[in-house]
């Protein structure tokens, strides 16, 4: 089993983690530790681990950008 742990710090770690969790596969866990989002990925192969981590990093970038933006509802 191959394993990677990705730890990133954020002003709003809960918002980032909540945005990431729906995209997690069965081989992934995401948790918040203080101001950090910590995601652990376990895969059987190095190639599978690399592909999953690559996808996660793209999702993380989007989640972090959205968490830092003020949101406004366009519903009345």
PDB file of N, CA and C in Angstrom:
ATOM      1  N   UNK A   1       0.855  -1.186   0.000  1.00  0.00           N
ATOM      2  CA  UNK A   1       0.000   0.000   0.000  1.00  0.00           C
ATOM      3  C   UNK A   1       0.894   1.240   0.000  1.00  0.00           C
ATOM      4  N   UNK A   2       0.578   2.175  -0.871  1.00  0.00           N
ATOM      5  CA  UNK A   2       1.287   3.457  -0.948  1.00  0.00           C
ATOM      6  C   UNK A   2       0.447   4.497  -0.215  1.00  0.00           C
ATOM      7  N   UNK A   3       1.133   5.455   0.434  1.00  0.00           N
ATOM      8  CA  UNK A   3       0.406   6.438   1.245  1.00  0.00           C
ATOM      9  C   UNK A   3       1.027   7.822   1.089  1.00  0.00           C
ATOM     10  N   UNK A   4       0.161   8.842   1.045  1.00  0.00           N
ATOM     11  CA  UNK A   4       0.605  10.238   1.033  1.00  0.00           C
ATOM     12  C   UNK A   4      -0.261  11.018   2.007  1.00  0.00           C
ATOM     13  N   UNK A   5       0.357  11.972   2.704  1.00  0.00           N
ATOM     14  CA  UNK A   5      -0.385  12.880   3.576  1.00  0.00           C
ATOM     15  C   UNK A   5      -0.102  14.292   3.091  1.00  0.00           C
ATOM     16  N   UNK A   6      -1.164  15.024   2.797  1.00  0.00           N
ATOM     17  CA  UNK A   6      -1.050  16.399   2.321  1.00  0.00           C
ATOM     18  C   UNK A   6      -1.591  17.301   3.415  1.00  0.00           C
ATOM     19  N   UNK A   7      -0.762  18.258   3.851  1.00  0.00           N
ATOM     20  CA  UNK A   7      -1.126  19.182   4.935  1.00  0.00           C
ATOM     21  C   UNK A   7      -0.963  20.604   4.413  1.00  0.00           C
ATOM     22  N   UNK A   8      -2.050  21.373   4.447  1.00  0.00           N
ATOM     23  CA  UNK A   8      -2.016  22.764   4.005  1.00  0.00           C
ATOM     24  C   UNK A   8      -2.712  23.628   5.050  1.00  0.00           C
ATOM     25  N   UNK A   9      -2.226  24.846   5.224  1.00  0.00           N
ATOM     26  CA  UNK A   9      -2.833  25.745   6.206  1.00  0.00           C
ATOM     27  C   UNK A   9      -3.719  26.765   5.491  1.00  0.00           C
ATOM     28  N   UNK A  10      -4.797  27.151   6.194  1.00  0.00           N
ATOM     29  CA  UNK A  10      -5.798  28.051   5.617  1.00  0.00           C
ATOM     30  C   UNK A  10      -6.400  28.918   6.712  1.00  0.00           C
ATOM     31  N   UNK A  11      -6.906  30.083   6.312  1.00  0.00           N
ATOM     32  CA  UNK A  11      -7.628  30.940   7.249  1.00  0.00           C
ATOM     33  C   UNK A  11      -8.956  30.311   7.657  1.00  0.00           C
ATOM     34  N   UNK A  12      -9.565  29.566   6.751  1.00  0.00           N
ATOM     35  CA  UNK A  12     -10.856  28.909   7.003  1.00  0.00           C
ATOM     36  C   UNK A  12     -10.740  27.415   6.696  1.00  0.00           C
ATOM     37  N   UNK A  13     -10.011  26.680   7.522  1.00  0.00           N
ATOM     38  CA  UNK A  13      -9.765  25.266   7.199  1.00  0.00           C
ATOM     39  C   UNK A  13     -11.034  24.416   7.135  1.00  0.00           C
ATOM     40  N   UNK A  14     -12.032  24.716   7.966  1.00  0.00           N
ATOM     41  CA  UNK A  14     -13.282  23.939   7.926  1.00  0.00           C
ATOM     42  C   UNK A  14     -13.995  24.115   6.585  1.00  0.00           C
ATOM     43  N   UNK A  15     -14.013  25.349   6.084  1.00  0.00           N
ATOM     44  CA  UNK A  15     -14.650  25.599   4.781  1.00  0.00           C
ATOM     45  C   UNK A  15     -13.942  24.837   3.673  1.00  0.00           C
ATOM     46  N   UNK A  16     -12.616  24.846   3.708  1.00  0.00           N
ATOM     47  CA  UNK A  16     -11.844  24.139   2.683  1.00  0.00           C
ATOM     48  C   UNK A  16     -12.097  22.639   2.785  1.00  0.00           C
ATOM     49  N   UNK A  17     -12.028  22.102   3.992  1.00  0.00           N
ATOM     50  CA  UNK A  17     -12.243  20.659   4.184  1.00  0.00           C
ATOM     51  C   UNK A  17     -13.645  20.250   3.751  1.00  0.00           C
ATOM     52  N   UNK A  18     -14.634  21.055   4.093  1.00  0.00           N
ATOM     53  CA  UNK A  18     -16.011  20.734   3.702  1.00  0.00           C
ATOM     54  C   UNK A  18     -16.189  20.760   2.188  1.00  0.00           C
ATOM     55  N   UNK A  19     -15.465  21.631   1.520  1.00  0.00           N
ATOM     56  CA  UNK A  19     -15.538  21.681   0.057  1.00  0.00           C
ATOM     57  C   UNK A  19     -14.842  20.481  -0.580  1.00  0.00           C
ATOM     58  N   UNK A  20     -13.822  19.960   0.078  1.00  0.00           N
ATOM     59  CA  UNK A  20     -13.059  18.833  -0.470  1.00  0.00           C
ATOM     60  C   UNK A  20     -13.721  17.476  -0.243  1.00  0.00           C
ATOM     61  N   UNK A  21     -14.344  17.298   0.898  1.00  0.00           N
ATOM     62  CA  UNK A  21     -14.839  15.967   1.291  1.00  0.00           C
ATOM     63  C   UNK A  21     -15.759  15.289   0.279  1.00  0.00           C
ATOM     64  N   UNK A  22     -16.662  16.001  -0.395  1.00  0.00           N
ATOM     65  CA  UNK A  22     -17.529  15.295  -1.355  1.00  0.00           C
ATOM     66  C   UNK A  22     -16.762  14.616  -2.492  1.00  0.00           C
ATOM     67  N   UNK A  23     -15.570  15.097  -2.796  1.00  0.00           N
ATOM     68  CA  UNK A  23     -14.778  14.506  -3.877  1.00  0.00           C
ATOM     69  C   UNK A  23     -13.852  13.397  -3.398  1.00  0.00           C
ATOM     70  N   UNK A  24     -13.788  13.168  -2.095  1.00  0.00           N
ATOM     71  CA  UNK A  24     -12.923  12.105  -1.581  1.00  0.00           C
ATOM     72  C   UNK A  24     -13.399  10.743  -2.075  1.00  0.00           C
ATOM     73  N   UNK A  25     -12.435   9.887  -2.382  1.00  0.00           N
ATOM     74  CA  UNK A  25     -12.741   8.500  -2.716  1.00  0.00           C
ATOM     75  C   UNK A  25     -12.656   7.677  -1.436  1.00  0.00           C
ATOM     76  N   UNK A  26     -12.957   6.396  -1.523  1.00  0.00           N
ATOM     77  CA  UNK A  26     -12.883   5.524  -0.346  1.00  0.00           C
ATOM     78  C   UNK A  26     -11.469   5.429   0.211  1.00  0.00           C
ATOM     79  N   UNK A  27     -10.470   5.738  -0.603  1.00  0.00           N
ATOM     80  CA  UNK A  27      -9.074   5.648  -0.177  1.00  0.00           C
ATOM     81  C   UNK A  27      -8.567   6.935   0.457  1.00  0.00           C
ATOM     82  N   UNK A  28      -9.452   7.911   0.685  1.00  0.00           N
ATOM     83  CA  UNK A  28      -9.042   9.224   1.182  1.00  0.00           C
ATOM     84  C   UNK A  28      -9.788   9.593   2.462  1.00  0.00           C
ATOM     85  N   UNK A  29      -9.080  10.297   3.350  1.00  0.00           N
ATOM     86  CA  UNK A  29      -9.713  10.910   4.519  1.00  0.00           C
ATOM     87  C   UNK A  29      -9.222  12.349   4.616  1.00  0.00           C
ATOM     88  N   UNK A  30     -10.114  13.242   5.007  1.00  0.00           N
ATOM     89  CA  UNK A  30      -9.767  14.649   5.179  1.00  0.00           C
ATOM     90  C   UNK A  30     -10.221  15.080   6.558  1.00  0.00           C
ATOM     91  N   UNK A  31      -9.326  15.760   7.268  1.00  0.00           N
ATOM     92  CA  UNK A  31      -9.647  16.238   8.615  1.00  0.00           C
ATOM     93  C   UNK A  31      -9.017  17.622   8.815  1.00  0.00           C
ATOM     94  N   UNK A  32      -9.456  18.304   9.857  1.00  0.00           N
ATOM     95  CA  UNK A  32      -8.912  19.611  10.213  1.00  0.00           C
ATOM     96  C   UNK A  32      -8.133  19.465  11.507  1.00  0.00           C
ATOM     97  N   UNK A  33      -6.917  19.984  11.509  1.00  0.00           N
ATOM     98  CA  UNK A  33      -6.077  20.048  12.706  1.00  0.00           C
ATOM     99  C   UNK A  33      -5.618  21.493  12.862  1.00  0.00           C
ATOM    100  N   UNK A  34      -6.161  22.174  13.857  1.00  0.00           N
ATOM    101  CA  UNK A  34      -5.874  23.593  14.075  1.00  0.00           C
ATOM    102  C   UNK A  34      -6.204  24.376  12.801  1.00  0.00           C
ATOM    103  N   UNK A  35      -5.203  25.032  12.186  1.00  0.00           N
ATOM    104  CA  UNK A  35      -5.476  25.806  10.971  1.00  0.00           C
ATOM    105  C   UNK A  35      -5.119  25.035   9.702  1.00  0.00           C
ATOM    106  N   UNK A  36      -4.947  23.720   9.825  1.00  0.00           N
ATOM    107  CA  UNK A  36      -4.528  22.904   8.682  1.00  0.00           C
ATOM    108  C   UNK A  36      -5.620  21.940   8.231  1.00  0.00           C
ATOM    109  N   UNK A  37      -5.668  21.729   6.927  1.00  0.00           N
ATOM    110  CA  UNK A  37      -6.460  20.653   6.336  1.00  0.00           C
ATOM    111  C   UNK A  37      -5.469  19.532   6.048  1.00  0.00           C
ATOM    112  N   UNK A  38      -5.775  18.344   6.557  1.00  0.00           N
ATOM    113  CA  UNK A  38      -4.885  17.194   6.390  1.00  0.00           C
ATOM    114  C   UNK A  38      -5.657  16.101   5.662  1.00  0.00           C
ATOM    115  N   UNK A  39      -5.148  15.720   4.515  1.00  0.00           N
ATOM    116  CA  UNK A  39      -5.774  14.652   3.737  1.00  0.00           C
ATOM    117  C   UNK A  39      -4.777  13.517   3.574  1.00  0.00           C
ATOM    118  N   UNK A  40      -5.235  12.307   3.863  1.00  0.00           N
ATOM    119  CA  UNK A  40      -4.423  11.108   3.696  1.00  0.00           C
ATOM    120  C   UNK A  40      -5.003  10.299   2.549  1.00  0.00           C
ATOM    121  N   UNK A  41      -4.115   9.871   1.654  1.00  0.00           N
ATOM    122  CA  UNK A  41      -4.504   9.073   0.494  1.00  0.00           C
ATOM    123  C   UNK A  41      -3.734   7.765   0.549  1.00  0.00           C
ATOM    124  N   UNK A  42      -4.429   6.654   0.401  1.00  0.00           N
ATOM    125  CA  UNK A  42      -3.790   5.339   0.333  1.00  0.00           C
ATOM    126  C   UNK A  42      -4.237   4.647  -0.947  1.00  0.00           C
ATOM    127  N   UNK A  43      -3.280   4.181  -1.732  1.00  0.00           N
ATOM    128  CA  UNK A  43      -3.577   3.464  -2.968  1.00  0.00           C
ATOM    129  C   UNK A  43      -2.640   2.268  -3.090  1.00  0.00           C
ATOM    130  N   UNK A  44      -3.045   1.292  -3.863  1.00  0.00           N
ATOM    131  CA  UNK A  44      -2.245   0.083  -4.033  1.00  0.00           C
ATOM    132  C   UNK A  44      -0.991   0.312  -4.866  1.00  0.00           C
ATOM    133  N   UNK A  45      -1.061   1.233  -5.827  1.00  0.00           N
ATOM    134  CA  UNK A  45       0.072   1.436  -6.728  1.00  0.00           C
ATOM    135  C   UNK A  45       0.569   2.872  -6.661  1.00  0.00           C
ATOM    136  N   UNK A  46       1.828   3.050  -7.037  1.00  0.00           N
ATOM    137  CA  UNK A  46       2.402   4.392  -7.080  1.00  0.00           C
ATOM    138  C   UNK A  46       1.683   5.250  -8.112  1.00  0.00           C
ATOM    139  N   UNK A  47       1.364   4.674  -9.267  1.00  0.00           N
ATOM    140  CA  UNK A  47       0.644   5.415 -10.300  1.00  0.00           C
ATOM    141  C   UNK A  47      -0.729   5.856  -9.839  1.00  0.00           C
ATOM    142  N   UNK A  48      -1.430   4.971  -9.140  1.00  0.00           N
ATOM    143  CA  UNK A  48      -2.743   5.316  -8.605  1.00  0.00           C
ATOM    144  C   UNK A  48      -2.650   6.413  -7.565  1.00  0.00           C
ATOM    145  N   UNK A  49      -1.625   6.344  -6.716  1.00  0.00           N
ATOM    146  CA  UNK A  49      -1.412   7.371  -5.699  1.00  0.00           C
ATOM    147  C   UNK A  49      -1.131   8.713  -6.366  1.00  0.00           C
ATOM    148  N   UNK A  50      -0.274   8.713  -7.370  1.00  0.00           N
ATOM    149  CA  UNK A  50       0.055   9.951  -8.068  1.00  0.00           C
ATOM    150  C   UNK A  50      -1.181  10.565  -8.722  1.00  0.00           C
ATOM    151  N   UNK A  51      -1.981   9.750  -9.377  1.00  0.00           N
ATOM    152  CA  UNK A  51      -3.183  10.256 -10.047  1.00  0.00           C
ATOM    153  C   UNK A  51      -4.164  10.850  -9.043  1.00  0.00           C
ATOM    154  N   UNK A  52      -4.351  10.177  -7.913  1.00  0.00           N
ATOM    155  CA  UNK A  52      -5.285  10.660  -6.898  1.00  0.00           C
ATOM    156  C   UNK A  52      -4.786  11.953  -6.272  1.00  0.00           C
ATOM    157  N   UNK A  53      -3.492  12.025  -5.968  1.00  0.00           N
ATOM    158  CA  UNK A  53      -2.926  13.244  -5.387  1.00  0.00           C
ATOM    159  C   UNK A  53      -3.007  14.395  -6.390  1.00  0.00           C
ATOM    160  N   UNK A  54      -2.734  14.130  -7.656  1.00  0.00           N
ATOM    161  CA  UNK A  54      -2.858  15.179  -8.679  1.00  0.00           C
ATOM    162  C   UNK A  54      -4.278  15.741  -8.719  1.00  0.00           C
ATOM    163  N   UNK A  55      -5.274  14.865  -8.727  1.00  0.00           N
ATOM    164  CA  UNK A  55      -6.674  15.311  -8.722  1.00  0.00           C
ATOM    165  C   UNK A  55      -6.985  16.111  -7.463  1.00  0.00           C
ATOM    166  N   UNK A  56      -6.492  15.639  -6.326  1.00  0.00           N
ATOM    167  CA  UNK A  56      -6.738  16.310  -5.051  1.00  0.00           C
ATOM    168  C   UNK A  56      -6.169  17.731  -5.070  1.00  0.00           C
ATOM    169  N   UNK A  57      -4.963  17.893  -5.591  1.00  0.00           N
ATOM    170  CA  UNK A  57      -4.330  19.214  -5.601  1.00  0.00           C
ATOM    171  C   UNK A  57      -5.150  20.205  -6.434  1.00  0.00           C
ATOM    172  N   UNK A  58      -5.690  19.759  -7.548  1.00  0.00           N
ATOM    173  CA  UNK A  58      -6.558  20.627  -8.354  1.00  0.00           C
ATOM    174  C   UNK A  58      -7.798  21.016  -7.543  1.00  0.00           C
ATOM    175  N   UNK A  59      -8.432  20.035  -6.902  1.00  0.00           N
ATOM    176  CA  UNK A  59      -9.617  20.311  -6.078  1.00  0.00           C
ATOM    177  C   UNK A  59      -9.273  21.230  -4.914  1.00  0.00           C
ATOM    178  N   UNK A  60      -8.117  21.027  -4.312  1.00  0.00           N
ATOM    179  CA  UNK A  60      -7.678  21.852  -3.189  1.00  0.00           C
ATOM    180  C   UNK A  60      -7.511  23.303  -3.616  1.00  0.00           C
ATOM    181  N   UNK A  61      -6.913  23.515  -4.757  1.00  0.00           N
ATOM    182  CA  UNK A  61      -6.704  24.884  -5.245  1.00  0.00           C
ATOM    183  C   UNK A  61      -8.045  25.607  -5.403  1.00  0.00           C
ATOM    184  N   UNK A  62      -9.014  24.947  -5.994  1.00  0.00           N
ATOM    185  CA  UNK A  62     -10.336  25.550  -6.187  1.00  0.00           C
ATOM    186  C   UNK A  62     -11.016  25.787  -4.841  1.00  0.00           C
ATOM    187  N   UNK A  63     -10.973  24.801  -3.956  1.00  0.00           N
ATOM    188  CA  UNK A  63     -11.610  24.935  -2.639  1.00  0.00           C
ATOM    189  C   UNK A  63     -11.002  26.085  -1.848  1.00  0.00           C
ATOM    190  N   UNK A  64      -9.691  26.224  -1.898  1.00  0.00           N
ATOM    191  CA  UNK A  64      -9.023  27.301  -1.166  1.00  0.00           C
ATOM    192  C   UNK A  64      -9.407  28.664  -1.736  1.00  0.00           C
ATOM    193  N   UNK A  65      -9.489  28.767  -3.056  1.00  0.00           N
ATOM    194  CA  UNK A  65      -9.892  30.036  -3.668  1.00  0.00           C
ATOM    195  C   UNK A  65     -11.318  30.399  -3.279  1.00  0.00           C
ATOM    196  N   UNK A  66     -12.211  29.430  -3.315  1.00  0.00           N
ATOM    197  CA  UNK A  66     -13.607  29.693  -2.958  1.00  0.00           C
ATOM    198  C   UNK A  66     -13.755  30.031  -1.483  1.00  0.00           C
ATOM    199  N   UNK A  67     -12.992  29.390  -0.631  1.00  0.00           N
ATOM    200  CA  UNK A  67     -13.083  29.642   0.808  1.00  0.00           C
ATOM    201  C   UNK A  67     -12.628  31.049   1.155  1.00  0.00           C
ATOM    202  N   UNK A  68     -11.761  31.618   0.337  1.00  0.00           N
ATOM    203  CA  UNK A  68     -11.248  32.959   0.602  1.00  0.00           C
ATOM    204  C   UNK A  68     -12.107  34.057  -0.003  1.00  0.00           C
ATOM    205  N   UNK A  69     -13.109  33.685  -0.788  1.00  0.00           N
ATOM    206  CA  UNK A  69     -13.998  34.673  -1.405  1.00  0.00           C
ATOM    207  C   UNK A  69     -15.261  34.827  -0.575  1.00  0.00           C
ATOM    208  N   UNK A  70     -15.731  36.065  -0.486  1.00  0.00           N
ATOM    209  CA  UNK A  70     -17.037  36.284   0.129  1.00  0.00           C
ATOM    210  C   UNK A  70     -18.091  35.714  -0.808  1.00  0.00           C
ATOM    211  N   UNK A  71     -19.072  35.068  -0.249  1.00  0.00           N
ATOM    212  CA  UNK A  71     -20.137  34.518  -1.086  1.00  0.00           C
ATOM    213  C   UNK A  71     -21.405  35.323  -0.880  1.00  0.00           C
ATOM    214  N   UNK A  72     -22.113  35.505  -1.968  1.00  0.00           N
ATOM    215  CA  UNK A  72     -23.382  36.213  -1.921  1.00  0.00           C
ATOM    216  C   UNK A  72     -24.419  35.351  -2.605  1.00  0.00           C
ATOM    217  N   UNK A  73     -25.580  35.311  -2.048  1.00  0.00           N
ATOM    218  CA  UNK A  73     -26.669  34.570  -2.664  1.00  0.00           C
ATOM    219  C   UNK A  73     -27.303  35.419  -3.751  1.00  0.00           C
ATOM    220  N   UNK A  74     -27.638  34.782  -4.864  1.00  0.00           N
ATOM    221  CA  UNK A  74     -28.365  35.509  -5.894  1.00  0.00           C
ATOM    222  C   UNK A  74     -29.842  35.135  -5.872  1.00  0.00           C
ATOM    223  N   UNK A  75     -30.252  34.480  -4.797  1.00  0.00           N
ATOM    224  CA  UNK A  75     -31.655  34.104  -4.620  1.00  0.00           C
ATOM    225  C   UNK A  75     -32.358  35.170  -3.791  1.00  0.00           C
ATOM    226  N   UNK A  76     -33.570  35.452  -4.155  1.00  0.00           N
ATOM    227  CA  UNK A  76     -34.323  36.458  -3.401  1.00  0.00           C
ATOM    228  C   UNK A  76     -35.266  35.817  -2.441  1.00  0.00           C
TER     229      UNK A  76
END
